[in-house]
């Protein structure tokens, strides 16, 4: 019979994942079954749900040998965080997020994690006594009122909480209902077996809002490291970073001179958190607020000189001076009104730029070229005619080969639907006579009706 609890507990990497997730008996069995079916059965493990051939796995401290020589904290942290939002973002972490959304698996850190097995936790799992104290987001063990999960080494106990919840001198700055529990964490002791024990019993109603004790000797002076501003959330001051060079992703479209100013200077103006912005004049003039009115004075905030034109993103009209994009090979492309990308230097792209493109049907997307004059068509003898009915003087025989859609007539008067490849009789060999009306139309002096 498969035993997924002992499968997890006897494999140090799985055990530490389960401890970090705060799994209960039922949750661990479910997670162990999922892991074995998804990964473990193909990993060549000594300990499986059906056989424990390496009992030392129960007592081994998690180390690089369990992660193919990789950094233990890095691998463990990534593994635990990967459960965020999934089926095994289990009840302990759900309780934590209910207390404060920032207390979630995504901010879990393996720095300072106790990599040795938590024996009382193992005992509680096998005895099915582990539950979740939702008031403080921790697990507890029924029948063992002084149980505390041994999550982090003594020098890193603040790491079980988000950055900023433990302040200097070990003062609690997180949610008020957890202040008493933090007292018990800092005052906890280890018995002769090395198990972590609380110095007072857990109340029957839970650890939330218990009496606050002085910070105990287990707190070694650490606060959870993290980036912050002016020591509010970190142990060091904040240094404003230099801007990155974003010129490679700068839009090629230039709407207005103001837009050019905003996108210049390596696009540092789009990185307000960095130093060195050459902010164009006419943006906001901002002063740091003063003391709030509740304690004596009014905030001092001014807003002057706004210039809405700086934010003009209208792409219509003469302000729009470019519409190309460049691919990884350096080739420039233009998008047609029909949503096709065409070479920027093609006939049709030029017509688009000059606002003279009328009939997209004459465009050949394979070559990027536009066949014939804009909007032209051909009569039944192959003469080119504009959309206004004027003959241009060009003939399909001058092209040599058909390069436009639709049908034309050959020299015998028969229709052909060829897109390409139909050769016409050269103009010098044609016997067709051209009427005076056609000649006048070709010259642009009159309208010619080919049905005449």
Protein backbone atom coordinates (compact mmCIF):
# COMPACT_ATOMS: atom_id res chain seq x y z
CA UNK A 1 0.00 0.00 0.00
CA UNK A 2 1.33 3.42 -0.94
CA UNK A 3 2.41 5.59 2.00
CA UNK A 4 2.77 9.14 0.77
CA UNK A 5 3.37 10.64 4.24
CA UNK A 6 6.55 8.63 4.77
CA UNK A 7 7.53 9.22 1.15
CA UNK A 8 7.66 12.95 1.94
CA UNK A 9 9.17 12.66 5.44
CA UNK A 10 11.98 10.32 4.34
CA UNK A 11 13.16 12.51 1.45
CA UNK A 12 14.86 15.65 2.88
CA UNK A 13 14.02 17.89 -0.08
CA UNK A 14 10.33 16.96 0.03
CA UNK A 15 10.23 17.20 3.82
CA UNK A 16 11.55 20.77 3.85
CA UNK A 17 9.09 21.81 1.15
CA UNK A 18 6.25 20.39 3.24
CA UNK A 19 7.49 22.14 6.40
CA UNK A 20 7.73 25.46 4.52
CA UNK A 21 4.20 25.01 3.16
CA UNK A 22 2.96 24.15 6.66
CA UNK A 23 1.11 21.06 5.43
CA UNK A 24 -1.26 19.09 7.63
CA UNK A 25 -1.57 15.29 7.57
CA UNK A 26 -4.20 15.24 4.83
CA UNK A 27 -2.48 17.96 2.80
CA UNK A 28 0.90 16.20 2.96
CA UNK A 29 -0.57 12.89 1.77
CA UNK A 30 -2.24 14.65 -1.16
CA UNK A 31 0.90 16.61 -2.01
CA UNK A 32 3.11 13.51 -1.75
CA UNK A 33 0.87 11.57 -4.14
CA UNK A 34 0.90 14.44 -6.63
CA UNK A 35 4.69 14.77 -6.42
CA UNK A 36 5.40 11.08 -6.90
CA UNK A 37 3.06 10.72 -9.88
CA UNK A 38 4.30 13.94 -11.48
CA UNK A 39 8.03 13.75 -10.71
CA UNK A 40 9.22 11.23 -8.12
CA UNK A 41 8.58 8.02 -10.01
CA UNK A 42 11.07 9.12 -12.67
CA UNK A 43 13.75 10.45 -10.32
CA UNK A 44 15.29 7.18 -9.13
CA UNK A 45 14.66 7.92 -5.44
CA UNK A 46 15.69 5.38 -2.81
CA UNK A 47 12.59 6.11 -0.75
CA UNK A 48 9.26 5.73 -2.52
CA UNK A 49 5.62 5.39 -1.41
CA UNK A 50 6.03 1.60 -1.43
CA UNK A 51 9.57 1.11 -0.11
CA UNK A 52 11.92 2.97 2.28
CA UNK A 53 15.41 1.68 1.46
CA UNK A 54 17.30 4.63 2.98
CA UNK A 55 15.87 5.24 6.47
CA UNK A 56 18.64 7.77 7.15
CA UNK A 57 16.63 10.15 4.96
CA UNK A 58 14.34 10.82 7.94
CA UNK A 59 17.15 12.39 9.95
CA UNK A 60 19.35 13.92 7.25
CA UNK A 61 19.76 17.69 7.06
CA UNK A 62 18.93 18.99 3.60
CA UNK A 63 22.17 19.72 1.73
CA UNK A 64 23.69 20.21 -1.74
CA UNK A 65 23.87 16.43 -2.20
CA UNK A 66 20.08 16.38 -2.36
CA UNK A 67 20.06 19.05 -5.09
CA UNK A 68 22.82 17.75 -7.39
CA UNK A 69 25.32 20.18 -5.85
CA UNK A 70 23.21 23.27 -6.36
CA UNK A 71 22.72 26.04 -3.78
CA UNK A 72 20.27 24.67 -1.23
CA UNK A 73 18.56 27.92 -0.25
CA UNK A 74 18.14 29.05 -3.86
CA UNK A 75 16.58 25.77 -4.97
CA UNK A 76 14.37 25.41 -1.91
CA UNK A 77 13.10 28.99 -2.17
CA UNK A 78 12.23 28.63 -5.86
CA UNK A 79 10.52 25.28 -5.21
CA UNK A 80 8.38 26.60 -2.36
CA UNK A 81 7.46 29.80 -4.18
CA UNK A 82 6.39 27.83 -7.24
CA UNK A 83 3.37 26.59 -5.27
CA UNK A 84 1.96 30.13 -5.01
CA UNK A 85 -1.60 30.28 -6.31
CA UNK A 86 -1.69 26.57 -7.13
CA UNK A 87 -3.44 23.55 -5.68
CA UNK A 88 -0.90 23.33 -2.86
CA UNK A 89 -0.89 26.96 -1.75
CA UNK A 90 -2.34 25.38 1.35
CA UNK A 91 -4.35 26.41 4.41
CA UNK A 92 -1.50 27.87 6.49
CA UNK A 93 -0.55 30.30 3.74
CA UNK A 94 -4.21 31.01 3.00
CA UNK A 95 -4.57 32.04 6.65
CA UNK A 96 -1.49 34.24 6.37
CA UNK A 97 -2.82 36.06 3.33
CA UNK A 98 -6.12 36.60 5.12
CA UNK A 99 -4.20 38.38 7.87
CA UNK A 100 -2.26 40.52 5.39
CA UNK A 101 -2.05 40.03 1.58
CA UNK A 102 1.69 40.74 1.63
CA UNK A 103 2.26 37.61 3.74
CA UNK A 104 2.15 35.18 0.82
CA UNK A 105 4.20 32.39 -0.71
CA UNK A 106 5.65 34.77 -3.28
CA UNK A 107 7.66 36.50 -0.55
CA UNK A 108 8.84 33.31 1.17
CA UNK A 109 12.59 33.34 1.77
CA UNK A 110 14.81 30.32 2.38
CA UNK A 111 17.54 32.50 3.84
CA UNK A 112 18.16 31.21 7.35
CA UNK A 113 15.73 28.31 6.92
CA UNK A 114 16.24 25.46 9.39
CA UNK A 115 17.25 22.64 7.04
CA UNK A 116 17.25 19.97 9.76
CA UNK A 117 14.14 17.81 10.32
CA UNK A 118 11.53 19.19 12.73
CA UNK A 119 10.93 16.09 14.84
CA UNK A 120 7.83 17.36 16.73
CA UNK A 121 6.30 18.30 13.36
CA UNK A 122 6.98 14.78 12.02
CA UNK A 123 5.42 13.33 15.16
CA UNK A 124 2.35 15.52 14.72
CA UNK A 125 1.99 14.57 11.03
CA UNK A 126 2.12 10.84 11.72
CA UNK A 127 -0.26 11.26 14.68
CA UNK A 128 -2.58 13.49 12.64
CA UNK A 129 -2.52 16.25 15.29
CA UNK A 130 -1.25 19.15 13.14
CA UNK A 131 -3.72 21.95 12.51
CA UNK A 132 -3.63 25.59 11.41
CA UNK A 133 -4.04 28.44 13.89
CA UNK A 134 -5.69 30.85 11.45
CA UNK A 135 -5.46 33.76 13.90
CA UNK A 136 -1.66 33.89 13.58
CA UNK A 137 -1.02 31.96 10.35
CA UNK A 138 0.94 29.19 12.06
CA UNK A 139 0.51 25.46 12.67
CA UNK A 140 -0.12 23.92 16.05
CA UNK A 141 -0.32 20.36 17.40
CA UNK A 142 -3.35 19.09 19.28
CA UNK A 143 -2.36 17.64 22.64
CA UNK A 144 0.99 19.49 22.64
CA UNK A 145 0.20 23.04 23.87
CA UNK A 146 3.85 24.15 23.78
CA UNK A 147 4.44 23.10 20.18
CA UNK A 148 6.07 25.75 17.97
CA UNK A 149 7.08 24.90 14.42
CA UNK A 150 10.88 25.16 14.13
CA UNK A 151 10.96 27.08 10.86
CA UNK A 152 14.07 29.30 10.92
CA UNK A 153 17.37 29.11 12.77
CA UNK A 154 17.53 31.32 15.85
CA UNK A 155 19.50 34.06 14.09
CA UNK A 156 16.84 34.41 11.36
CA UNK A 157 13.47 34.05 13.09
CA UNK A 158 12.28 37.41 11.72
CA UNK A 159 12.45 35.95 8.20
CA UNK A 160 9.18 34.09 8.73
CA UNK A 161 7.42 37.44 8.39
CA UNK A 162 7.34 40.10 5.67
CA UNK A 163 10.00 42.79 5.55
CA UNK A 164 9.36 45.48 8.14
CA UNK A 165 7.23 43.44 10.56
CA UNK A 166 10.14 43.10 13.01
CA UNK A 167 11.83 46.37 13.86
CA UNK A 168 15.00 47.39 15.61
CA UNK A 169 15.48 45.91 19.07
CA UNK A 170 13.09 43.12 18.09
CA UNK A 171 9.97 45.29 18.43
CA UNK A 172 6.89 43.96 16.68
CA UNK A 173 5.56 46.23 13.91
CA UNK A 174 3.28 43.78 12.10
CA UNK A 175 -0.45 43.10 12.66
CA UNK A 176 -1.30 43.70 16.29
CA UNK A 177 -2.93 40.30 16.85
CA UNK A 178 0.43 38.59 16.23
CA UNK A 179 2.42 40.61 18.79
CA UNK A 180 1.88 38.04 21.58
CA UNK A 181 2.87 35.15 19.29
CA UNK A 182 6.08 37.00 18.37
CA UNK A 183 6.80 37.19 22.11
CA UNK A 184 6.58 33.40 22.33
CA UNK A 185 8.83 32.95 19.28
CA UNK A 186 11.55 35.17 20.80
CA UNK A 187 11.26 33.54 24.25
CA UNK A 188 11.15 29.91 23.04
CA UNK A 189 13.72 27.47 24.36
CA UNK A 190 15.11 24.09 23.30
CA UNK A 191 14.79 20.98 25.43
CA UNK A 192 17.47 18.35 25.90
CA UNK A 193 16.49 16.71 22.62
CA UNK A 194 16.91 20.02 20.79
CA UNK A 195 13.19 20.46 20.11
CA UNK A 196 11.84 24.02 20.08
CA UNK A 197 9.34 24.64 22.88
CA UNK A 198 7.20 27.59 23.93
CA UNK A 199 7.59 28.83 27.53
CA UNK A 200 3.81 28.93 28.03
CA UNK A 201 0.86 26.92 26.84
CA UNK A 202 -1.05 27.93 23.73
CA UNK A 203 -4.51 29.19 24.84
CA UNK A 204 -7.43 27.02 23.79
CA UNK A 205 -8.66 29.93 21.68
CA UNK A 206 -5.35 30.21 19.82
CA UNK A 207 -2.21 32.33 19.84
CA UNK A 208 -3.87 35.51 18.50
CA UNK A 209 -4.02 38.52 20.84
CA UNK A 210 -2.18 36.78 23.67
CA UNK A 211 -0.30 38.74 26.33
CA UNK A 212 2.74 40.55 24.98
CA UNK A 213 6.00 39.64 26.71
CA UNK A 214 9.37 41.35 26.57
CA UNK A 215 11.50 40.40 23.58
CA UNK A 216 13.22 37.18 24.54
CA UNK A 217 16.83 35.97 24.24
CA UNK A 218 16.14 33.87 21.15
CA UNK A 219 15.97 37.03 19.05
CA UNK A 220 19.57 37.57 17.94
CA UNK A 221 19.20 41.11 16.59
CA UNK A 222 18.17 40.29 13.04
CA UNK A 223 15.48 41.97 10.98
CA UNK A 224 14.50 40.47 7.68
CA UNK A 225 16.76 41.97 5.00
CA UNK A 226 15.10 43.75 2.14
CA UNK A 227 15.31 46.88 0.03
CA UNK A 228 13.66 49.89 1.53
CA UNK A 229 13.86 53.65 1.93
CA UNK A 230 15.73 55.27 4.78
CA UNK A 231 15.82 52.17 7.00
CA UNK A 232 12.03 51.98 7.19
CA UNK A 233 12.00 48.52 5.61
CA UNK A 234 15.66 47.66 5.38
CA UNK A 235 18.94 47.76 7.20
CA UNK A 236 20.59 50.21 4.84
CA UNK A 237 19.80 53.52 3.15
CA UNK A 238 18.22 53.70 -0.30
CA UNK A 239 20.40 54.55 -3.29
CA UNK A 240 18.64 55.83 -6.39
CA UNK A 241 19.78 53.75 -9.38
CA UNK A 242 21.14 55.17 -12.60
CA UNK A 243 18.88 54.92 -15.67
CA UNK A 244 19.30 52.06 -18.11
CA UNK A 245 19.87 52.55 -21.83
CA UNK A 246 16.44 51.88 -23.35
CA UNK A 247 17.22 53.42 -26.74
CA UNK A 248 16.87 50.01 -28.41
CA UNK A 249 13.14 49.96 -27.59
CA UNK A 250 12.50 53.64 -28.30
CA UNK A 251 9.37 54.10 -30.47
CA UNK A 252 10.25 55.12 -34.02
CA UNK A 253 7.01 57.05 -34.30
CA UNK A 254 7.51 60.75 -33.61
CA UNK A 255 4.30 62.56 -32.77
CA UNK A 256 5.43 66.00 -31.61
CA UNK A 257 8.65 67.77 -30.54
CA UNK A 258 7.55 67.24 -26.94
CA UNK A 259 7.28 63.51 -27.57
CA UNK A 260 10.78 63.58 -29.02
CA UNK A 261 11.97 65.22 -25.79
CA UNK A 262 10.33 62.58 -23.63
CA UNK A 263 11.83 59.70 -25.62
CA UNK A 264 15.32 61.17 -25.90
CA UNK A 265 18.22 60.91 -23.46
CA UNK A 266 18.27 57.06 -23.73
CA UNK A 267 14.59 57.14 -22.66
CA UNK A 268 15.63 57.96 -19.09
CA UNK A 269 12.51 60.11 -18.74
CA UNK A 270 10.51 56.87 -18.84
CA UNK A 271 12.41 55.65 -15.76
CA UNK A 272 11.24 58.06 -13.02
CA UNK A 273 12.83 55.93 -10.29
CA UNK A 274 16.31 56.55 -11.72
CA UNK A 275 18.67 59.53 -11.70
CA UNK A 276 19.54 61.82 -14.58
CA UNK A 277 16.17 62.61 -16.17
CA UNK A 278 16.22 65.66 -18.41
CA UNK A 279 12.56 66.37 -17.70
CA UNK A 280 11.08 68.78 -20.26
CA UNK A 281 9.73 72.04 -18.85
CA UNK A 282 6.01 72.28 -18.25
CA UNK A 283 5.54 69.08 -16.30
CA UNK A 284 4.66 69.06 -12.60
CA UNK A 285 6.23 71.23 -9.94
CA UNK A 286 5.91 69.22 -6.77
CA UNK A 287 6.84 70.06 -3.19
CA UNK A 288 7.08 67.56 -0.35
CA UNK A 289 3.93 67.70 1.81
CA UNK A 290 4.20 69.31 5.21
CA UNK A 291 2.76 68.03 8.48
CA UNK A 292 -0.83 66.81 8.32
CA UNK A 293 -3.62 69.03 9.63
CA UNK A 294 -4.39 66.48 12.35
CA UNK A 295 -1.21 67.49 14.13
CA UNK A 296 -1.15 71.19 13.50
CA UNK A 297 -0.40 72.31 9.94
CA UNK A 298 -1.73 71.86 6.43
CA UNK A 299 0.07 69.87 3.75
CA UNK A 300 2.09 72.03 1.40
CA UNK A 301 1.45 70.78 -2.11
CA UNK A 302 1.50 72.86 -5.28
CA UNK A 303 0.72 71.98 -8.89
CA UNK A 304 1.81 74.45 -11.54
CA UNK A 305 2.71 74.71 -15.19
CA UNK A 306 0.98 71.64 -16.57
CA UNK A 307 1.29 71.39 -20.34
CA UNK A 308 -1.20 68.84 -21.77
CA UNK A 309 0.48 68.94 -25.18
CA UNK A 310 3.37 66.99 -23.71
CA UNK A 311 1.07 64.02 -23.52
CA UNK A 312 -0.47 64.34 -27.00
CA UNK A 313 -0.53 60.89 -28.54
CA UNK A 314 -2.88 61.71 -31.42
CA UNK A 315 -1.57 59.85 -34.47
CA UNK A 316 -3.74 61.72 -36.96
CA UNK A 317 -2.79 64.72 -39.02
CA UNK A 318 0.60 66.25 -39.79
CA UNK A 319 1.96 65.50 -36.33
CA UNK A 320 2.41 61.90 -37.33
CA UNK A 321 5.79 61.82 -39.06
CA UNK A 322 6.63 58.14 -39.17
CA UNK A 323 5.03 54.73 -39.13
CA UNK A 324 7.79 52.19 -39.69
CA UNK A 325 9.04 49.38 -37.51
CA UNK A 326 12.39 47.62 -37.72
CA UNK A 327 12.85 43.85 -37.42
CA UNK A 328 15.80 42.05 -35.80
CA UNK A 329 17.69 42.07 -39.11
CA UNK A 330 17.37 45.84 -39.53
CA UNK A 331 14.71 45.70 -42.26
CA UNK A 332 12.02 48.39 -42.08
CA UNK A 333 8.35 47.55 -42.56
CA UNK A 334 5.06 49.43 -42.89
CA UNK A 335 1.61 48.13 -41.98
CA UNK A 336 -1.10 48.61 -44.60
CA UNK A 337 -4.71 49.56 -43.76
CA UNK A 338 -5.54 45.89 -44.33
CA UNK A 339 -3.10 44.81 -41.56
CA UNK A 340 -0.31 43.45 -43.78
CA UNK A 341 3.39 44.24 -43.21
CA UNK A 342 5.11 45.39 -46.42
CA UNK A 343 8.67 46.62 -47.13
CA UNK A 344 9.02 50.29 -46.22
CA UNK A 345 10.62 51.13 -49.57
CA UNK A 346 8.00 49.47 -51.79
CA UNK A 347 5.76 51.37 -54.21
CA UNK A 348 2.69 50.87 -52.09
CA UNK A 349 4.47 51.97 -48.90
CA UNK A 350 5.51 55.15 -50.69
CA UNK A 351 1.93 55.68 -51.84
CA UNK A 352 0.71 55.23 -48.27
CA UNK A 353 3.22 57.78 -46.98
CA UNK A 354 2.08 60.28 -49.65
CA UNK A 355 -1.61 59.60 -49.00
CA UNK A 356 -2.05 58.57 -52.65
CA UNK A 357 -2.77 54.87 -52.21
CA UNK A 358 -6.30 54.19 -53.46
CA UNK A 359 -6.71 50.63 -54.64
CA UNK A 360 -5.01 48.02 -52.51
CA UNK A 361 -6.25 45.28 -54.86
CA UNK A 362 -3.41 46.08 -57.26
CA UNK A 363 -0.81 45.39 -54.55
CA UNK A 364 1.22 42.17 -54.72
CA UNK A 365 2.12 41.22 -51.11
CA UNK A 366 4.78 38.78 -52.30
CA UNK A 367 6.92 41.50 -53.83
CA UNK A 368 5.74 44.63 -52.05
CA UNK A 369 5.13 46.26 -55.42
CA UNK A 370 2.01 48.00 -56.70
CA UNK A 371 0.97 47.11 -60.24
CA UNK A 372 -0.16 49.98 -62.38
CA UNK A 373 -1.19 53.53 -61.54
CA UNK A 374 -3.14 54.03 -58.33
CA UNK A 375 -6.74 52.90 -58.87
CA UNK A 376 -6.23 51.96 -62.53
CA UNK A 377 -7.94 49.20 -64.50
CA UNK A 378 -7.70 47.79 -68.01
CA UNK A 379 -10.12 47.69 -70.90
CA UNK A 380 -10.81 44.58 -73.02
CA UNK A 381 -7.88 45.40 -75.26
CA UNK A 382 -5.38 45.76 -72.44
CA UNK A 383 -5.20 49.58 -72.28
CA UNK A 384 -4.66 51.07 -68.81
CA UNK A 385 -7.41 53.43 -67.57
CA UNK A 386 -7.50 55.50 -64.36
CA UNK A 387 -10.33 55.43 -61.83
CA UNK A 388 -11.57 58.69 -63.37
CA UNK A 389 -11.91 57.09 -66.81
CA UNK A 390 -8.82 58.64 -68.36
CA UNK A 391 -6.43 56.51 -70.40
CA UNK A 392 -2.79 56.68 -69.34
CA UNK A 393 -1.26 55.44 -72.58
CA UNK A 394 0.16 52.28 -71.00
CA UNK A 395 -0.67 48.85 -72.38
CA UNK A 396 -0.28 45.37 -70.95
CA UNK A 397 1.98 44.50 -73.85
CA UNK A 398 4.43 47.04 -72.47
CA UNK A 399 4.64 44.96 -69.30
CA UNK A 400 5.39 41.78 -71.19
CA UNK A 401 3.67 39.65 -68.56
CA UNK A 402 0.44 40.11 -66.65
CA UNK A 403 1.03 41.45 -63.11
CA UNK A 404 -2.44 42.36 -61.90
CA UNK A 405 -5.62 40.57 -60.76
CA UNK A 406 -8.78 40.08 -62.78
CA UNK A 407 -9.07 39.04 -66.39
CA UNK A 408 -7.99 40.58 -69.68
CA UNK A 409 -8.50 39.47 -73.28
CA UNK A 410 -5.83 37.99 -75.48
CA UNK A 411 -5.22 38.97 -79.11
CA UNK A 412 -8.05 36.68 -80.22
CA UNK A 413 -10.54 38.34 -77.87
CA UNK A 414 -10.73 35.44 -75.40
CA UNK A 415 -10.73 36.04 -71.64
CA UNK A 416 -7.83 34.85 -69.54
CA UNK A 417 -7.83 34.64 -65.74
CA UNK A 418 -4.07 34.29 -65.47
CA UNK A 419 -2.54 36.19 -62.51
CA UNK A 420 0.93 35.85 -63.96
CA UNK A 421 2.53 34.18 -66.95
CA UNK A 422 0.28 35.13 -69.91
CA UNK A 423 2.28 36.81 -72.65
CA UNK A 424 0.65 39.35 -74.96
CA UNK A 425 1.64 40.25 -78.48
CA UNK A 426 4.18 43.08 -78.37
CA UNK A 427 2.74 46.47 -79.37
CA UNK A 428 4.88 46.56 -82.55
CA UNK A 429 3.21 43.39 -83.82
CA UNK A 430 -0.39 44.28 -82.93
CA UNK A 431 -2.80 44.81 -85.85
CA UNK A 432 -5.49 46.54 -83.77
CA UNK A 433 -6.31 50.00 -84.98
CA UNK A 434 -6.62 52.82 -82.49
CA UNK A 435 -9.51 55.20 -82.99
CA UNK A 436 -9.18 58.97 -82.70
CA UNK A 437 -11.32 58.83 -79.56
CA UNK A 438 -8.81 56.47 -78.00
CA UNK A 439 -5.92 58.67 -79.06
CA UNK A 440 -7.62 61.72 -77.53
CA UNK A 441 -8.33 59.80 -74.33
CA UNK A 442 -4.74 58.58 -74.15
CA UNK A 443 -3.64 62.17 -74.46
CA UNK A 444 -5.96 63.06 -71.58
CA UNK A 445 -8.11 65.39 -73.63
CA UNK A 446 -11.41 63.51 -73.51
CA UNK A 447 -13.25 60.62 -71.85
CA UNK A 448 -13.27 57.40 -73.85
CA UNK A 449 -15.97 54.80 -73.46
CA UNK A 450 -14.46 51.45 -74.54
CA UNK A 451 -17.94 50.19 -75.44
CA UNK A 452 -18.03 52.59 -78.37
